[in-house]
Amino acid sequence: MNETIAIAKSEVYLCDSNGGKKYHYTKNCCGLSNCKHEIIKISLKKAQTLGKTLCGWE
């Protein structure tokens, strides 16, 4: 079970826009509700490399 949680948190969602600064653990996070671009799924490590930080709603 802990392995499943670790895998789930190794992939995150973000709004594929130039102004997006946050990543989200769930695609349905209310922080993504204003996204006018595509919501993409990437690795947590890649999101952090891009300078993204965790959404304040999560």
PDB file of N, CA and C in Angstrom:
ATOM      1  N   MET A   1       0.818  -1.189   0.000  1.00  0.00           N
ATOM      2  CA  MET A   1       0.000   0.000   0.000  1.00  0.00           C
ATOM      3  C   MET A   1       0.863   1.254   0.000  1.00  0.00           C
ATOM      4  N   ASN A   2       1.895   1.329   0.799  1.00  0.00           N
ATOM      5  CA  ASN A   2       2.769   2.497   0.813  1.00  0.00           C
ATOM      6  C   ASN A   2       3.430   2.724  -0.539  1.00  0.00           C
ATOM      7  N   GLU A   3       3.713   1.625  -1.255  1.00  0.00           N
ATOM      8  CA  GLU A   3       4.302   1.744  -2.581  1.00  0.00           C
ATOM      9  C   GLU A   3       3.338   2.446  -3.530  1.00  0.00           C
ATOM     10  N   THR A   4       2.055   2.153  -3.428  1.00  0.00           N
ATOM     11  CA  THR A   4       1.044   2.796  -4.264  1.00  0.00           C
ATOM     12  C   THR A   4       1.001   4.293  -3.998  1.00  0.00           C
ATOM     13  N   ILE A   5       1.075   4.684  -2.749  1.00  0.00           N
ATOM     14  CA  ILE A   5       1.064   6.104  -2.395  1.00  0.00           C
ATOM     15  C   ILE A   5       2.306   6.783  -2.959  1.00  0.00           C
ATOM     16  N   ALA A   6       3.445   6.140  -2.863  1.00  0.00           N
ATOM     17  CA  ALA A   6       4.694   6.709  -3.376  1.00  0.00           C
ATOM     18  C   ALA A   6       4.622   6.891  -4.887  1.00  0.00           C
ATOM     19  N   ILE A   7       4.054   5.918  -5.587  1.00  0.00           N
ATOM     20  CA  ILE A   7       3.917   6.020  -7.037  1.00  0.00           C
ATOM     21  C   ILE A   7       2.955   7.151  -7.393  1.00  0.00           C
ATOM     22  N   ALA A   8       1.854   7.251  -6.668  1.00  0.00           N
ATOM     23  CA  ALA A   8       0.867   8.292  -6.947  1.00  0.00           C
ATOM     24  C   ALA A   8       1.476   9.681  -6.780  1.00  0.00           C
ATOM     25  N   LYS A   9       2.344   9.863  -5.796  1.00  0.00           N
ATOM     26  CA  LYS A   9       2.943  11.168  -5.560  1.00  0.00           C
ATOM     27  C   LYS A   9       4.174  11.403  -6.428  1.00  0.00           C
ATOM     28  N   SER A  10       4.575  10.416  -7.218  1.00  0.00           N
ATOM     29  CA  SER A  10       5.722  10.618  -8.092  1.00  0.00           C
ATOM     30  C   SER A  10       5.284  11.233  -9.417  1.00  0.00           C
ATOM     31  N   GLU A  11       3.987  11.282  -9.665  1.00  0.00           N
ATOM     32  CA  GLU A  11       3.439  11.925 -10.856  1.00  0.00           C
ATOM     33  C   GLU A  11       2.463  13.005 -10.422  1.00  0.00           C
ATOM     34  N   VAL A  12       2.536  14.147 -11.071  1.00  0.00           N
ATOM     35  CA  VAL A  12       1.711  15.290 -10.705  1.00  0.00           C
ATOM     36  C   VAL A  12       1.086  15.905 -11.953  1.00  0.00           C
ATOM     37  N   TYR A  13       0.161  16.817 -11.726  1.00  0.00           N
ATOM     38  CA  TYR A  13      -0.526  17.503 -12.819  1.00  0.00           C
ATOM     39  C   TYR A  13      -0.177  18.980 -12.789  1.00  0.00           C
ATOM     40  N   LEU A  14      -0.133  19.570 -13.979  1.00  0.00           N
ATOM     41  CA  LEU A  14       0.036  21.011 -14.047  1.00  0.00           C
ATOM     42  C   LEU A  14      -0.635  21.552 -15.284  1.00  0.00           C
ATOM     43  N   CYS A  15      -0.916  22.845 -15.222  1.00  0.00           N
ATOM     44  CA  CYS A  15      -1.505  23.542 -16.359  1.00  0.00           C
ATOM     45  C   CYS A  15      -0.369  23.867 -17.317  1.00  0.00           C
ATOM     46  N   ASP A  16      -0.488  23.415 -18.548  1.00  0.00           N
ATOM     47  CA  ASP A  16       0.567  23.583 -19.540  1.00  0.00           C
ATOM     48  C   ASP A  16       0.510  24.989 -20.145  1.00  0.00           C
ATOM     49  N   SER A  17       0.822  25.975 -19.320  1.00  0.00           N
ATOM     50  CA  SER A  17       0.837  27.365 -19.778  1.00  0.00           C
ATOM     51  C   SER A  17       2.135  28.020 -19.340  1.00  0.00           C
ATOM     52  N   ASN A  18       2.471  29.140 -19.942  1.00  0.00           N
ATOM     53  CA  ASN A  18       3.702  29.845 -19.582  1.00  0.00           C
ATOM     54  C   ASN A  18       3.658  30.385 -18.159  1.00  0.00           C
ATOM     55  N   GLY A  19       2.483  30.751 -17.677  1.00  0.00           N
ATOM     56  CA  GLY A  19       2.360  31.362 -16.362  1.00  0.00           C
ATOM     57  C   GLY A  19       2.160  30.405 -15.205  1.00  0.00           C
ATOM     58  N   GLY A  20       1.982  29.119 -15.486  1.00  0.00           N
ATOM     59  CA  GLY A  20       1.732  28.149 -14.426  1.00  0.00           C
ATOM     60  C   GLY A  20       2.935  27.965 -13.519  1.00  0.00           C
ATOM     61  N   LYS A  21       2.716  28.058 -12.206  1.00  0.00           N
ATOM     62  CA  LYS A  21       3.820  27.954 -11.259  1.00  0.00           C
ATOM     63  C   LYS A  21       3.656  26.802 -10.280  1.00  0.00           C
ATOM     64  N   LYS A  22       2.519  26.137 -10.303  1.00  0.00           N
ATOM     65  CA  LYS A  22       2.206  25.122  -9.293  1.00  0.00           C
ATOM     66  C   LYS A  22       2.008  23.750  -9.925  1.00  0.00           C
ATOM     67  N   TYR A  23       2.249  22.719  -9.108  1.00  0.00           N
ATOM     68  CA  TYR A  23       1.867  21.363  -9.502  1.00  0.00           C
ATOM     69  C   TYR A  23       0.827  20.858  -8.521  1.00  0.00           C
ATOM     70  N   HIS A  24       0.099  19.834  -8.936  1.00  0.00           N
ATOM     71  CA  HIS A  24      -1.055  19.341  -8.194  1.00  0.00           C
ATOM     72  C   HIS A  24      -1.012  17.819  -8.162  1.00  0.00           C
ATOM     73  N   TYR A  25      -1.375  17.242  -7.028  1.00  0.00           N
ATOM     74  CA  TYR A  25      -1.394  15.781  -6.906  1.00  0.00           C
ATOM     75  C   TYR A  25      -2.619  15.160  -7.577  1.00  0.00           C
ATOM     76  N   THR A  26      -3.697  15.924  -7.715  1.00  0.00           N
ATOM     77  CA  THR A  26      -4.901  15.396  -8.359  1.00  0.00           C
ATOM     78  C   THR A  26      -5.322  16.284  -9.523  1.00  0.00           C
ATOM     79  N   LYS A  27      -5.840  15.671 -10.553  1.00  0.00           N
ATOM     80  CA  LYS A  27      -6.280  16.403 -11.743  1.00  0.00           C
ATOM     81  C   LYS A  27      -7.502  17.272 -11.439  1.00  0.00           C
ATOM     82  N   ASN A  28      -8.244  16.911 -10.406  1.00  0.00           N
ATOM     83  CA  ASN A  28      -9.461  17.642 -10.047  1.00  0.00           C
ATOM     84  C   ASN A  28      -9.230  18.714  -8.992  1.00  0.00           C
ATOM     85  N   CYS A  29      -7.982  19.041  -8.692  1.00  0.00           N
ATOM     86  CA  CYS A  29      -7.679  20.063  -7.690  1.00  0.00           C
ATOM     87  C   CYS A  29      -8.319  21.387  -8.104  1.00  0.00           C
ATOM     88  N   CYS A  30      -8.904  22.085  -7.137  1.00  0.00           N
ATOM     89  CA  CYS A  30      -9.553  23.359  -7.470  1.00  0.00           C
ATOM     90  C   CYS A  30      -8.542  24.401  -7.939  1.00  0.00           C
ATOM     91  N   GLY A  31      -7.266  24.195  -7.656  1.00  0.00           N
ATOM     92  CA  GLY A  31      -6.223  25.086  -8.151  1.00  0.00           C
ATOM     93  C   GLY A  31      -6.052  25.011  -9.659  1.00  0.00           C
ATOM     94  N   LEU A  32      -6.550  23.950 -10.270  1.00  0.00           N
ATOM     95  CA  LEU A  32      -6.484  23.800 -11.730  1.00  0.00           C
ATOM     96  C   LEU A  32      -7.758  24.264 -12.428  1.00  0.00           C
ATOM     97  N   SER A  33      -8.743  24.716 -11.667  1.00  0.00           N
ATOM     98  CA  SER A  33     -10.038  25.054 -12.258  1.00  0.00           C
ATOM     99  C   SER A  33      -9.977  26.236 -13.232  1.00  0.00           C
ATOM    100  N   ASN A  34      -9.001  27.113 -13.095  1.00  0.00           N
ATOM    101  CA  ASN A  34      -8.883  28.260 -13.999  1.00  0.00           C
ATOM    102  C   ASN A  34      -7.964  28.012 -15.181  1.00  0.00           C
ATOM    103  N   CYS A  35      -7.450  26.809 -15.306  1.00  0.00           N
ATOM    104  CA  CYS A  35      -6.528  26.491 -16.393  1.00  0.00           C
ATOM    105  C   CYS A  35      -7.247  26.567 -17.736  1.00  0.00           C
ATOM    106  N   LYS A  36      -6.744  27.403 -18.616  1.00  0.00           N
ATOM    107  CA  LYS A  36      -7.325  27.560 -19.957  1.00  0.00           C
ATOM    108  C   LYS A  36      -6.555  26.751 -20.994  1.00  0.00           C
ATOM    109  N   HIS A  37      -5.499  26.077 -20.554  1.00  0.00           N
ATOM    110  CA  HIS A  37      -4.667  25.271 -21.430  1.00  0.00           C
ATOM    111  C   HIS A  37      -4.857  23.802 -21.065  1.00  0.00           C
ATOM    112  N   GLU A  38      -4.074  22.960 -21.665  1.00  0.00           N
ATOM    113  CA  GLU A  38      -4.147  21.530 -21.380  1.00  0.00           C
ATOM    114  C   GLU A  38      -3.576  21.236 -19.994  1.00  0.00           C
ATOM    115  N   ILE A  39      -4.200  20.329 -19.272  1.00  0.00           N
ATOM    116  CA  ILE A  39      -3.677  19.851 -17.991  1.00  0.00           C
ATOM    117  C   ILE A  39      -2.869  18.605 -18.314  1.00  0.00           C
ATOM    118  N   ILE A  40      -1.583  18.638 -17.952  1.00  0.00           N
ATOM    119  CA  ILE A  40      -0.697  17.532 -18.290  1.00  0.00           C
ATOM    120  C   ILE A  40      -0.210  16.818 -17.037  1.00  0.00           C
ATOM    121  N   LYS A  41       0.174  15.576 -17.217  1.00  0.00           N
ATOM    122  CA  LYS A  41       0.686  14.742 -16.134  1.00  0.00           C
ATOM    123  C   LYS A  41       2.174  14.534 -16.384  1.00  0.00           C
ATOM    124  N   ILE A  42       3.004  14.902 -15.409  1.00  0.00           N
ATOM    125  CA  ILE A  42       4.449  14.727 -15.526  1.00  0.00           C
ATOM    126  C   ILE A  42       5.000  14.207 -14.197  1.00  0.00           C
ATOM    127  N   SER A  43       6.264  13.847 -14.204  1.00  0.00           N
ATOM    128  CA  SER A  43       6.859  13.366 -12.964  1.00  0.00           C
ATOM    129  C   SER A  43       7.053  14.528 -11.996  1.00  0.00           C
ATOM    130  N   LEU A  44       6.995  14.220 -10.722  1.00  0.00           N
ATOM    131  CA  LEU A  44       7.212  15.222  -9.687  1.00  0.00           C
ATOM    132  C   LEU A  44       8.595  15.847  -9.847  1.00  0.00           C
ATOM    133  N   LYS A  45       9.580  15.021 -10.123  1.00  0.00           N
ATOM    134  CA  LYS A  45      10.954  15.506 -10.282  1.00  0.00           C
ATOM    135  C   LYS A  45      11.049  16.509 -11.434  1.00  0.00           C
ATOM    136  N   LYS A  46      10.405  16.224 -12.545  1.00  0.00           N
ATOM    137  CA  LYS A  46      10.413  17.128 -13.708  1.00  0.00           C
ATOM    138  C   LYS A  46       9.726  18.444 -13.351  1.00  0.00           C
ATOM    139  N   ALA A  47       8.602  18.375 -12.650  1.00  0.00           N
ATOM    140  CA  ALA A  47       7.882  19.589 -12.246  1.00  0.00           C
ATOM    141  C   ALA A  47       8.769  20.462 -11.363  1.00  0.00           C
ATOM    142  N   GLN A  48       9.474  19.840 -10.437  1.00  0.00           N
ATOM    143  CA  GLN A  48      10.363  20.587  -9.557  1.00  0.00           C
ATOM    144  C   GLN A  48      11.543  21.166 -10.329  1.00  0.00           C
ATOM    145  N   THR A  49      12.047  20.431 -11.306  1.00  0.00           N
ATOM    146  CA  THR A  49      13.126  20.918 -12.157  1.00  0.00           C
ATOM    147  C   THR A  49      12.683  22.155 -12.935  1.00  0.00           C
ATOM    148  N   LEU A  50      11.406  22.191 -13.311  1.00  0.00           N
ATOM    149  CA  LEU A  50      10.857  23.334 -14.032  1.00  0.00           C
ATOM    150  C   LEU A  50      10.542  24.514 -13.116  1.00  0.00           C
ATOM    151  N   GLY A  51      10.796  24.343 -11.813  1.00  0.00           N
ATOM    152  CA  GLY A  51      10.573  25.422 -10.851  1.00  0.00           C
ATOM    153  C   GLY A  51       9.173  25.477 -10.297  1.00  0.00           C
ATOM    154  N   LYS A  52       8.376  24.444 -10.529  1.00  0.00           N
ATOM    155  CA  LYS A  52       6.999  24.400 -10.016  1.00  0.00           C
ATOM    156  C   LYS A  52       7.013  24.069  -8.530  1.00  0.00           C
ATOM    157  N   THR A  53       6.052  24.598  -7.798  1.00  0.00           N
ATOM    158  CA  THR A  53       5.895  24.298  -6.378  1.00  0.00           C
ATOM    159  C   THR A  53       4.496  23.752  -6.136  1.00  0.00           C
ATOM    160  N   LEU A  54       4.319  23.114  -4.985  1.00  0.00           N
ATOM    161  CA  LEU A  54       3.039  22.486  -4.653  1.00  0.00           C
ATOM    162  C   LEU A  54       1.938  23.523  -4.499  1.00  0.00           C
ATOM    163  N   CYS A  55       0.798  23.223  -5.043  1.00  0.00           N
ATOM    164  CA  CYS A  55      -0.395  24.076  -4.937  1.00  0.00           C
ATOM    165  C   CYS A  55      -0.776  24.243  -3.462  1.00  0.00           C
ATOM    166  N   GLY A  56      -1.224  25.400  -3.097  1.00  0.00           N
ATOM    167  CA  GLY A  56      -1.617  25.687  -1.732  1.00  0.00           C
ATOM    168  C   GLY A  56      -2.904  25.005  -1.279  1.00  0.00           C
ATOM    169  N   TRP A  57      -3.664  24.474  -2.214  1.00  0.00           N
ATOM    170  CA  TRP A  57      -4.923  23.783  -1.862  1.00  0.00           C
ATOM    171  C   TRP A  57      -4.674  22.364  -1.403  1.00  0.00           C
ATOM    172  N   GLU A  58      -3.498  21.819  -1.662  1.00  0.00           N
ATOM    173  CA  GLU A  58      -3.250  20.412  -1.352  1.00  0.00           C
ATOM    174  C   GLU A  58      -2.418  20.229  -0.111  1.00  0.00           C
TER     175      GLU A  58
END
